[in-house]
mmCIF file of all heavy atoms, coordinates in Angstrom:
data_MODEL
# 
_entry.id   MODEL 
# 
loop_
_atom_site.group_PDB 
_atom_site.id 
_atom_site.type_symbol 
_atom_site.label_atom_id 
_atom_site.label_alt_id 
_atom_site.label_comp_id 
_atom_site.label_asym_id 
_atom_site.label_entity_id 
_atom_site.label_seq_id 
_atom_site.pdbx_PDB_ins_code 
_atom_site.Cartn_x 
_atom_site.Cartn_y 
_atom_site.Cartn_z 
_atom_site.occupancy 
_atom_site.B_iso_or_equiv 
_atom_site.pdbx_formal_charge 
_atom_site.auth_seq_id 
_atom_site.auth_comp_id 
_atom_site.auth_asym_id 
_atom_site.auth_atom_id 
_atom_site.pdbx_PDB_model_num 
ATOM 1   N N   . VAL A 1 1  ? -110.201 -52.138 177.111 1.00 0.00 ? 1  VAL A N   1 
ATOM 2   C CA  . VAL A 1 1  ? -109.617 -51.089 177.953 1.00 0.00 ? 1  VAL A CA  1 
ATOM 3   C C   . VAL A 1 1  ? -110.111 -51.298 179.399 1.00 0.00 ? 1  VAL A C   1 
ATOM 4   O O   . VAL A 1 1  ? -111.251 -50.935 179.668 1.00 0.00 ? 1  VAL A O   1 
ATOM 5   C CB  . VAL A 1 1  ? -109.908 -49.674 177.443 1.00 0.00 ? 1  VAL A CB  1 
ATOM 6   C CG1 . VAL A 1 1  ? -109.188 -48.654 178.323 1.00 0.00 ? 1  VAL A CG1 1 
ATOM 7   C CG2 . VAL A 1 1  ? -109.397 -49.596 175.969 1.00 0.00 ? 1  VAL A CG2 1 
ATOM 8   N N   . ASN A 1 2  ? -109.232 -51.814 180.200 1.00 0.00 ? 2  ASN A N   1 
ATOM 9   C CA  . ASN A 1 2  ? -109.599 -52.026 181.606 1.00 0.00 ? 2  ASN A CA  1 
ATOM 10  C C   . ASN A 1 2  ? -109.364 -50.773 182.411 1.00 0.00 ? 2  ASN A C   1 
ATOM 11  O O   . ASN A 1 2  ? -108.283 -50.543 183.002 1.00 0.00 ? 2  ASN A O   1 
ATOM 12  C CB  . ASN A 1 2  ? -108.705 -53.205 182.198 1.00 0.00 ? 2  ASN A CB  1 
ATOM 13  C CG  . ASN A 1 2  ? -109.410 -54.526 182.127 1.00 0.00 ? 2  ASN A CG  1 
ATOM 14  O OD1 . ASN A 1 2  ? -110.538 -54.674 182.335 1.00 0.00 ? 2  ASN A OD1 1 
ATOM 15  N ND2 . ASN A 1 2  ? -108.569 -55.571 181.832 1.00 0.00 ? 2  ASN A ND2 1 
ATOM 16  N N   . ASN A 1 3  ? -110.363 -49.880 182.363 1.00 0.00 ? 3  ASN A N   1 
ATOM 17  C CA  . ASN A 1 3  ? -110.217 -48.561 182.953 1.00 0.00 ? 3  ASN A CA  1 
ATOM 18  C C   . ASN A 1 3  ? -110.873 -48.432 184.296 1.00 0.00 ? 3  ASN A C   1 
ATOM 19  O O   . ASN A 1 3  ? -110.435 -47.678 185.154 1.00 0.00 ? 3  ASN A O   1 
ATOM 20  C CB  . ASN A 1 3  ? -110.816 -47.564 181.964 1.00 0.00 ? 3  ASN A CB  1 
ATOM 21  C CG  . ASN A 1 3  ? -111.032 -46.225 182.670 1.00 0.00 ? 3  ASN A CG  1 
ATOM 22  O OD1 . ASN A 1 3  ? -110.119 -45.457 182.942 1.00 0.00 ? 3  ASN A OD1 1 
ATOM 23  N ND2 . ASN A 1 3  ? -112.309 -45.924 182.975 1.00 0.00 ? 3  ASN A ND2 1 
ATOM 24  N N   . ALA A 1 4  ? -111.986 -49.152 184.563 1.00 0.00 ? 4  ALA A N   1 
ATOM 25  C CA  . ALA A 1 4  ? -112.745 -48.950 185.836 1.00 0.00 ? 4  ALA A CA  1 
ATOM 26  C C   . ALA A 1 4  ? -111.854 -49.160 187.029 1.00 0.00 ? 4  ALA A C   1 
ATOM 27  O O   . ALA A 1 4  ? -111.082 -50.120 187.106 1.00 0.00 ? 4  ALA A O   1 
ATOM 28  C CB  . ALA A 1 4  ? -113.924 -49.920 185.839 1.00 0.00 ? 4  ALA A CB  1 
ATOM 29  N N   . GLY A 1 5  ? -112.023 -48.245 188.000 1.00 0.00 ? 5  GLY A N   1 
ATOM 30  C CA  . GLY A 1 5  ? -111.214 -48.376 189.216 1.00 0.00 ? 5  GLY A CA  1 
ATOM 31  C C   . GLY A 1 5  ? -111.813 -47.495 190.258 1.00 0.00 ? 5  GLY A C   1 
ATOM 32  O O   . GLY A 1 5  ? -112.672 -46.725 190.044 1.00 0.00 ? 5  GLY A O   1 
ATOM 33  N N   . MET A 1 6  ? -111.345 -47.674 191.500 1.00 0.00 ? 6  MET A N   1 
ATOM 34  C CA  . MET A 1 6  ? -111.818 -46.895 192.640 1.00 0.00 ? 6  MET A CA  1 
ATOM 35  C C   . MET A 1 6  ? -110.633 -46.592 193.578 1.00 0.00 ? 6  MET A C   1 
ATOM 36  O O   . MET A 1 6  ? -109.767 -47.431 193.743 1.00 0.00 ? 6  MET A O   1 
ATOM 37  C CB  . MET A 1 6  ? -112.938 -47.586 193.359 1.00 0.00 ? 6  MET A CB  1 
ATOM 38  C CG  . MET A 1 6  ? -112.598 -48.862 194.017 1.00 0.00 ? 6  MET A CG  1 
ATOM 39  S SD  . MET A 1 6  ? -113.937 -49.528 195.051 1.00 0.00 ? 6  MET A SD  1 
ATOM 40  C CE  . MET A 1 6  ? -114.004 -48.312 196.382 1.00 0.00 ? 6  MET A CE  1 
ATOM 41  N N   . PRO A 1 7  ? -110.646 -45.427 194.214 1.00 0.00 ? 7  PRO A N   1 
ATOM 42  C CA  . PRO A 1 7  ? -109.618 -45.143 195.263 1.00 0.00 ? 7  PRO A CA  1 
ATOM 43  C C   . PRO A 1 7  ? -110.109 -45.680 196.610 1.00 0.00 ? 7  PRO A C   1 
ATOM 44  O O   . PRO A 1 7  ? -111.237 -46.083 196.729 1.00 0.00 ? 7  PRO A O   1 
ATOM 45  C CB  . PRO A 1 7  ? -109.618 -43.613 195.251 1.00 0.00 ? 7  PRO A CB  1 
ATOM 46  C CG  . PRO A 1 7  ? -111.044 -43.219 194.970 1.00 0.00 ? 7  PRO A CG  1 
ATOM 47  C CD  . PRO A 1 7  ? -111.585 -44.309 194.002 1.00 0.00 ? 7  PRO A CD  1 
ATOM 48  N N   . ASP A 1 8  ? -109.178 -45.669 197.534 1.00 0.00 ? 8  ASP A N   1 
ATOM 49  C CA  . ASP A 1 8  ? -109.619 -45.990 198.908 1.00 0.00 ? 8  ASP A CA  1 
ATOM 50  C C   . ASP A 1 8  ? -109.483 -44.788 199.843 1.00 0.00 ? 8  ASP A C   1 
ATOM 51  O O   . ASP A 1 8  ? -110.326 -44.593 200.726 1.00 0.00 ? 8  ASP A O   1 
ATOM 52  C CB  . ASP A 1 8  ? -108.894 -47.207 199.475 1.00 0.00 ? 8  ASP A CB  1 
ATOM 53  C CG  . ASP A 1 8  ? -107.369 -47.008 199.503 1.00 0.00 ? 8  ASP A CG  1 
ATOM 54  O OD1 . ASP A 1 8  ? -106.877 -46.160 200.209 1.00 0.00 ? 8  ASP A OD1 1 
ATOM 55  O OD2 . ASP A 1 8  ? -106.664 -47.754 198.741 1.00 0.00 ? 8  ASP A OD2 1 
ATOM 56  N N   . ALA A 1 9  ? -108.496 -43.900 199.638 1.00 0.00 ? 9  ALA A N   1 
ATOM 57  C CA  . ALA A 1 9  ? -108.371 -42.674 200.376 1.00 0.00 ? 9  ALA A CA  1 
ATOM 58  C C   . ALA A 1 9  ? -108.509 -42.857 201.896 1.00 0.00 ? 9  ALA A C   1 
ATOM 59  O O   . ALA A 1 9  ? -109.124 -42.126 202.573 1.00 0.00 ? 9  ALA A O   1 
ATOM 60  C CB  . ALA A 1 9  ? -109.389 -41.651 199.912 1.00 0.00 ? 9  ALA A CB  1 
ATOM 61  N N   . MET A 1 10 ? -107.823 -43.924 202.366 1.00 0.00 ? 10 MET A N   1 
ATOM 62  C CA  . MET A 1 10 ? -107.926 -44.286 203.784 1.00 0.00 ? 10 MET A CA  1 
ATOM 63  C C   . MET A 1 10 ? -106.647 -44.950 204.209 1.00 0.00 ? 10 MET A C   1 
ATOM 64  O O   . MET A 1 10 ? -105.979 -45.663 203.488 1.00 0.00 ? 10 MET A O   1 
ATOM 65  C CB  . MET A 1 10 ? -109.126 -45.228 204.037 1.00 0.00 ? 10 MET A CB  1 
ATOM 66  C CG  . MET A 1 10 ? -109.435 -45.491 205.496 1.00 0.00 ? 10 MET A CG  1 
ATOM 67  S SD  . MET A 1 10 ? -110.856 -46.583 205.689 1.00 0.00 ? 10 MET A SD  1 
ATOM 68  C CE  . MET A 1 10 ? -112.188 -45.473 205.174 1.00 0.00 ? 10 MET A CE  1 
ATOM 69  N N   . ARG A 1 11 ? -106.311 -44.673 205.484 1.00 0.00 ? 11 ARG A N   1 
ATOM 70  C CA  . ARG A 1 11 ? -105.111 -45.351 206.066 1.00 0.00 ? 11 ARG A CA  1 
ATOM 71  C C   . ARG A 1 11 ? -105.324 -46.870 206.062 1.00 0.00 ? 11 ARG A C   1 
ATOM 72  O O   . ARG A 1 11 ? -106.426 -47.341 206.391 1.00 0.00 ? 11 ARG A O   1 
ATOM 73  C CB  . ARG A 1 11 ? -104.839 -44.848 207.467 1.00 0.00 ? 11 ARG A CB  1 
ATOM 74  C CG  . ARG A 1 11 ? -104.524 -43.382 207.577 1.00 0.00 ? 11 ARG A CG  1 
ATOM 75  C CD  . ARG A 1 11 ? -103.133 -43.074 207.047 1.00 0.00 ? 11 ARG A CD  1 
ATOM 76  N NE  . ARG A 1 11 ? -102.843 -41.669 207.206 1.00 0.00 ? 11 ARG A NE  1 
ATOM 77  C CZ  . ARG A 1 11 ? -101.672 -41.114 206.884 1.00 0.00 ? 11 ARG A CZ  1 
ATOM 78  N NH1 . ARG A 1 11 ? -100.692 -41.895 206.366 1.00 0.00 ? 11 ARG A NH1 1 
ATOM 79  N NH2 . ARG A 1 11 ? -101.382 -39.849 207.065 1.00 0.00 ? 11 ARG A NH2 1 
ATOM 80  N N   . ALA A 1 12 ? -104.281 -47.621 205.798 1.00 0.00 ? 12 ALA A N   1 
ATOM 81  C CA  . ALA A 1 12 ? -104.461 -49.048 205.602 1.00 0.00 ? 12 ALA A CA  1 
ATOM 82  C C   . ALA A 1 12 ? -104.960 -49.713 206.863 1.00 0.00 ? 12 ALA A C   1 
ATOM 83  O O   . ALA A 1 12 ? -105.833 -50.604 206.774 1.00 0.00 ? 12 ALA A O   1 
ATOM 84  C CB  . ALA A 1 12 ? -103.052 -49.672 205.296 1.00 0.00 ? 12 ALA A CB  1 
ATOM 85  N N   . HIS A 1 13 ? -104.533 -49.293 208.035 1.00 0.00 ? 13 HIS A N   1 
ATOM 86  C CA  . HIS A 1 13 ? -104.986 -49.966 209.294 1.00 0.00 ? 13 HIS A CA  1 
ATOM 87  C C   . HIS A 1 13 ? -106.402 -49.591 209.717 1.00 0.00 ? 13 HIS A C   1 
ATOM 88  O O   . HIS A 1 13 ? -106.934 -50.174 210.663 1.00 0.00 ? 13 HIS A O   1 
ATOM 89  C CB  . HIS A 1 13 ? -103.991 -49.654 210.458 1.00 0.00 ? 13 HIS A CB  1 
ATOM 90  C CG  . HIS A 1 13 ? -103.985 -48.193 210.808 1.00 0.00 ? 13 HIS A CG  1 
ATOM 91  N ND1 . HIS A 1 13 ? -103.373 -47.248 210.035 1.00 0.00 ? 13 HIS A ND1 1 
ATOM 92  C CD2 . HIS A 1 13 ? -104.462 -47.582 211.888 1.00 0.00 ? 13 HIS A CD2 1 
ATOM 93  C CE1 . HIS A 1 13 ? -103.487 -46.080 210.656 1.00 0.00 ? 13 HIS A CE1 1 
ATOM 94  N NE2 . HIS A 1 13 ? -104.149 -46.238 211.792 1.00 0.00 ? 13 HIS A NE2 1 
ATOM 95  N N   . LYS A 1 14 ? -106.986 -48.622 208.986 1.00 0.00 ? 14 LYS A N   1 
ATOM 96  C CA  . LYS A 1 14 ? -108.373 -48.188 209.315 1.00 0.00 ? 14 LYS A CA  1 
ATOM 97  C C   . LYS A 1 14 ? -109.384 -48.745 208.303 1.00 0.00 ? 14 LYS A C   1 
ATOM 98  O O   . LYS A 1 14 ? -110.608 -48.508 208.507 1.00 0.00 ? 14 LYS A O   1 
ATOM 99  C CB  . LYS A 1 14 ? -108.468 -46.711 209.352 1.00 0.00 ? 14 LYS A CB  1 
ATOM 100 C CG  . LYS A 1 14 ? -107.649 -46.089 210.464 1.00 0.00 ? 14 LYS A CG  1 
ATOM 101 C CD  . LYS A 1 14 ? -107.802 -44.562 210.519 1.00 0.00 ? 14 LYS A CD  1 
ATOM 102 C CE  . LYS A 1 14 ? -107.027 -43.946 211.662 1.00 0.00 ? 14 LYS A CE  1 
ATOM 103 N NZ  . LYS A 1 14 ? -107.226 -42.447 211.713 1.00 0.00 ? 14 LYS A NZ  1 
ATOM 104 N N   . MET A 1 15 ? -108.938 -49.463 207.334 1.00 0.00 ? 15 MET A N   1 
ATOM 105 C CA  . MET A 1 15 ? -109.918 -49.919 206.288 1.00 0.00 ? 15 MET A CA  1 
ATOM 106 C C   . MET A 1 15 ? -110.746 -51.097 206.761 1.00 0.00 ? 15 MET A C   1 
ATOM 107 O O   . MET A 1 15 ? -110.156 -52.098 207.195 1.00 0.00 ? 15 MET A O   1 
ATOM 108 C CB  . MET A 1 15 ? -109.165 -50.329 205.018 1.00 0.00 ? 15 MET A CB  1 
ATOM 109 C CG  . MET A 1 15 ? -108.448 -49.213 204.260 1.00 0.00 ? 15 MET A CG  1 
ATOM 110 S SD  . MET A 1 15 ? -107.677 -49.788 202.754 1.00 0.00 ? 15 MET A SD  1 
ATOM 111 C CE  . MET A 1 15 ? -109.092 -50.184 201.720 1.00 0.00 ? 15 MET A CE  1 
ATOM 112 N N   . PRO A 1 16 ? -112.054 -51.008 206.687 1.00 0.00 ? 16 PRO A N   1 
ATOM 113 C CA  . PRO A 1 16 ? -112.896 -52.167 206.980 1.00 0.00 ? 16 PRO A CA  1 
ATOM 114 C C   . PRO A 1 16 ? -112.711 -53.227 205.863 1.00 0.00 ? 16 PRO A C   1 
ATOM 115 O O   . PRO A 1 16 ? -112.391 -52.889 204.738 1.00 0.00 ? 16 PRO A O   1 
ATOM 116 C CB  . PRO A 1 16 ? -114.315 -51.621 206.976 1.00 0.00 ? 16 PRO A CB  1 
ATOM 117 C CG  . PRO A 1 16 ? -114.244 -50.402 206.109 1.00 0.00 ? 16 PRO A CG  1 
ATOM 118 C CD  . PRO A 1 16 ? -112.841 -49.823 206.275 1.00 0.00 ? 16 PRO A CD  1 
ATOM 119 N N   . VAL A 1 17 ? -112.917 -54.457 206.281 1.00 0.00 ? 17 VAL A N   1 
ATOM 120 C CA  . VAL A 1 17 ? -112.686 -55.536 205.319 1.00 0.00 ? 17 VAL A CA  1 
ATOM 121 C C   . VAL A 1 17 ? -113.560 -55.424 204.111 1.00 0.00 ? 17 VAL A C   1 
ATOM 122 O O   . VAL A 1 17 ? -113.203 -55.758 202.954 1.00 0.00 ? 17 VAL A O   1 
ATOM 123 C CB  . VAL A 1 17 ? -112.862 -56.923 206.001 1.00 0.00 ? 17 VAL A CB  1 
ATOM 124 C CG1 . VAL A 1 17 ? -114.330 -57.164 206.371 1.00 0.00 ? 17 VAL A CG1 1 
ATOM 125 C CG2 . VAL A 1 17 ? -112.369 -58.065 205.090 1.00 0.00 ? 17 VAL A CG2 1 
ATOM 126 N N   . GLU A 1 18 ? -114.804 -54.867 204.284 1.00 0.00 ? 18 GLU A N   1 
ATOM 127 C CA  . GLU A 1 18 ? -115.678 -54.645 203.126 1.00 0.00 ? 18 GLU A CA  1 
ATOM 128 C C   . GLU A 1 18 ? -115.047 -53.753 202.062 1.00 0.00 ? 18 GLU A C   1 
ATOM 129 O O   . GLU A 1 18 ? -115.197 -53.986 200.874 1.00 0.00 ? 18 GLU A O   1 
ATOM 130 C CB  . GLU A 1 18 ? -117.018 -54.080 203.603 1.00 0.00 ? 18 GLU A CB  1 
ATOM 131 C CG  . GLU A 1 18 ? -117.844 -55.006 204.476 1.00 0.00 ? 18 GLU A CG  1 
ATOM 132 C CD  . GLU A 1 18 ? -117.356 -55.015 205.930 1.00 0.00 ? 18 GLU A CD  1 
ATOM 133 O OE1 . GLU A 1 18 ? -116.520 -54.159 206.316 1.00 0.00 ? 18 GLU A OE1 1 
ATOM 134 O OE2 . GLU A 1 18 ? -117.871 -55.893 206.699 1.00 0.00 ? 18 GLU A OE2 1 
ATOM 135 N N   . LEU A 1 19 ? -114.396 -52.685 202.514 1.00 0.00 ? 19 LEU A N   1 
ATOM 136 C CA  . LEU A 1 19 ? -113.729 -51.772 201.586 1.00 0.00 ? 19 LEU A CA  1 
ATOM 137 C C   . LEU A 1 19 ? -112.517 -52.443 200.958 1.00 0.00 ? 19 LEU A C   1 
ATOM 138 O O   . LEU A 1 19 ? -112.290 -52.259 199.774 1.00 0.00 ? 19 LEU A O   1 
ATOM 139 C CB  . LEU A 1 19 ? -113.309 -50.464 202.271 1.00 0.00 ? 19 LEU A CB  1 
ATOM 140 C CG  . LEU A 1 19 ? -112.646 -49.446 201.422 1.00 0.00 ? 19 LEU A CG  1 
ATOM 141 C CD1 . LEU A 1 19 ? -113.534 -49.052 200.225 1.00 0.00 ? 19 LEU A CD1 1 
ATOM 142 C CD2 . LEU A 1 19 ? -112.315 -48.180 202.243 1.00 0.00 ? 19 LEU A CD2 1 
ATOM 143 N N   . VAL A 1 20 ? -111.796 -53.236 201.704 1.00 0.00 ? 20 VAL A N   1 
ATOM 144 C CA  . VAL A 1 20 ? -110.679 -53.945 201.192 1.00 0.00 ? 20 VAL A CA  1 
ATOM 145 C C   . VAL A 1 20 ? -111.101 -54.849 200.024 1.00 0.00 ? 20 VAL A C   1 
ATOM 146 O O   . VAL A 1 20 ? -110.533 -54.858 198.920 1.00 0.00 ? 20 VAL A O   1 
ATOM 147 C CB  . VAL A 1 20 ? -109.981 -54.854 202.284 1.00 0.00 ? 20 VAL A CB  1 
ATOM 148 C CG1 . VAL A 1 20 ? -108.893 -55.740 201.603 1.00 0.00 ? 20 VAL A CG1 1 
ATOM 149 C CG2 . VAL A 1 20 ? -109.276 -53.910 203.315 1.00 0.00 ? 20 VAL A CG2 1 
ATOM 150 N N   . ASP A 1 21 ? -112.200 -55.604 200.272 1.00 0.00 ? 21 ASP A N   1 
ATOM 151 C CA  . ASP A 1 21 ? -112.733 -56.495 199.257 1.00 0.00 ? 21 ASP A CA  1 
ATOM 152 C C   . ASP A 1 21 ? -113.164 -55.750 197.988 1.00 0.00 ? 21 ASP A C   1 
ATOM 153 O O   . ASP A 1 21 ? -113.021 -56.180 196.845 1.00 0.00 ? 21 ASP A O   1 
ATOM 154 C CB  . ASP A 1 21 ? -113.874 -57.328 199.795 1.00 0.00 ? 21 ASP A CB  1 
ATOM 155 C CG  . ASP A 1 21 ? -113.415 -58.422 200.815 1.00 0.00 ? 21 ASP A CG  1 
ATOM 156 O OD1 . ASP A 1 21 ? -112.201 -58.681 200.818 1.00 0.00 ? 21 ASP A OD1 1 
ATOM 157 O OD2 . ASP A 1 21 ? -114.256 -58.913 201.537 1.00 0.00 ? 21 ASP A OD2 1 
ATOM 158 N N   . GLN A 1 22 ? -113.825 -54.566 198.258 1.00 0.00 ? 22 GLN A N   1 
ATOM 159 C CA  . GLN A 1 22 ? -114.340 -53.792 197.103 1.00 0.00 ? 22 GLN A CA  1 
ATOM 160 C C   . GLN A 1 22 ? -113.196 -53.225 196.254 1.00 0.00 ? 22 GLN A C   1 
ATOM 161 O O   . GLN A 1 22 ? -113.227 -53.307 195.005 1.00 0.00 ? 22 GLN A O   1 
ATOM 162 C CB  . GLN A 1 22 ? -115.148 -52.625 197.669 1.00 0.00 ? 22 GLN A CB  1 
ATOM 163 C CG  . GLN A 1 22 ? -115.894 -51.852 196.579 1.00 0.00 ? 22 GLN A CG  1 
ATOM 164 C CD  . GLN A 1 22 ? -116.858 -50.803 197.163 1.00 0.00 ? 22 GLN A CD  1 
ATOM 165 O OE1 . GLN A 1 22 ? -116.750 -50.451 198.314 1.00 0.00 ? 22 GLN A OE1 1 
ATOM 166 N NE2 . GLN A 1 22 ? -117.744 -50.299 196.365 1.00 0.00 ? 22 GLN A NE2 1 
ATOM 167 N N   . VAL A 1 23 ? -112.162 -52.690 196.905 1.00 0.00 ? 23 VAL A N   1 
ATOM 168 C CA  . VAL A 1 23 ? -111.069 -52.129 196.157 1.00 0.00 ? 23 VAL A CA  1 
ATOM 169 C C   . VAL A 1 23 ? -110.308 -53.212 195.370 1.00 0.00 ? 23 VAL A C   1 
ATOM 170 O O   . VAL A 1 23 ? -109.987 -53.097 194.179 1.00 0.00 ? 23 VAL A O   1 
ATOM 171 C CB  . VAL A 1 23 ? -110.073 -51.404 197.060 1.00 0.00 ? 23 VAL A CB  1 
ATOM 172 C CG1 . VAL A 1 23 ? -108.802 -50.972 196.337 1.00 0.00 ? 23 VAL A CG1 1 
ATOM 173 C CG2 . VAL A 1 23 ? -110.725 -50.162 197.716 1.00 0.00 ? 23 VAL A CG2 1 
ATOM 174 N N   . LEU A 1 24 ? -110.084 -54.355 196.044 1.00 0.00 ? 24 LEU A N   1 
ATOM 175 C CA  . LEU A 1 24 ? -109.426 -55.489 195.315 1.00 0.00 ? 24 LEU A CA  1 
ATOM 176 C C   . LEU A 1 24 ? -110.313 -55.993 194.173 1.00 0.00 ? 24 LEU A C   1 
ATOM 177 O O   . LEU A 1 24 ? -109.833 -56.343 193.104 1.00 0.00 ? 24 LEU A O   1 
ATOM 178 C CB  . LEU A 1 24 ? -109.156 -56.609 196.296 1.00 0.00 ? 24 LEU A CB  1 
ATOM 179 C CG  . LEU A 1 24 ? -108.060 -56.367 197.317 1.00 0.00 ? 24 LEU A CG  1 
ATOM 180 C CD1 . LEU A 1 24 ? -107.992 -57.490 198.315 1.00 0.00 ? 24 LEU A CD1 1 
ATOM 181 C CD2 . LEU A 1 24 ? -106.669 -56.227 196.646 1.00 0.00 ? 24 LEU A CD2 1 
ATOM 182 N N   . GLY A 1 25 ? -111.646 -56.011 194.424 1.00 0.00 ? 25 GLY A N   1 
ATOM 183 C CA  . GLY A 1 25 ? -112.563 -56.514 193.430 1.00 0.00 ? 25 GLY A CA  1 
ATOM 184 C C   . GLY A 1 25 ? -112.651 -55.628 192.176 1.00 0.00 ? 25 GLY A C   1 
ATOM 185 O O   . GLY A 1 25 ? -112.550 -56.163 191.039 1.00 0.00 ? 25 GLY A O   1 
# 
């Protein structure tokens, strides 16, 4: 059951690359 996940709750153009990598990861 692949359940683990996280939200980003941020506008796309304001996301730092670290958060992008974390959400994708």
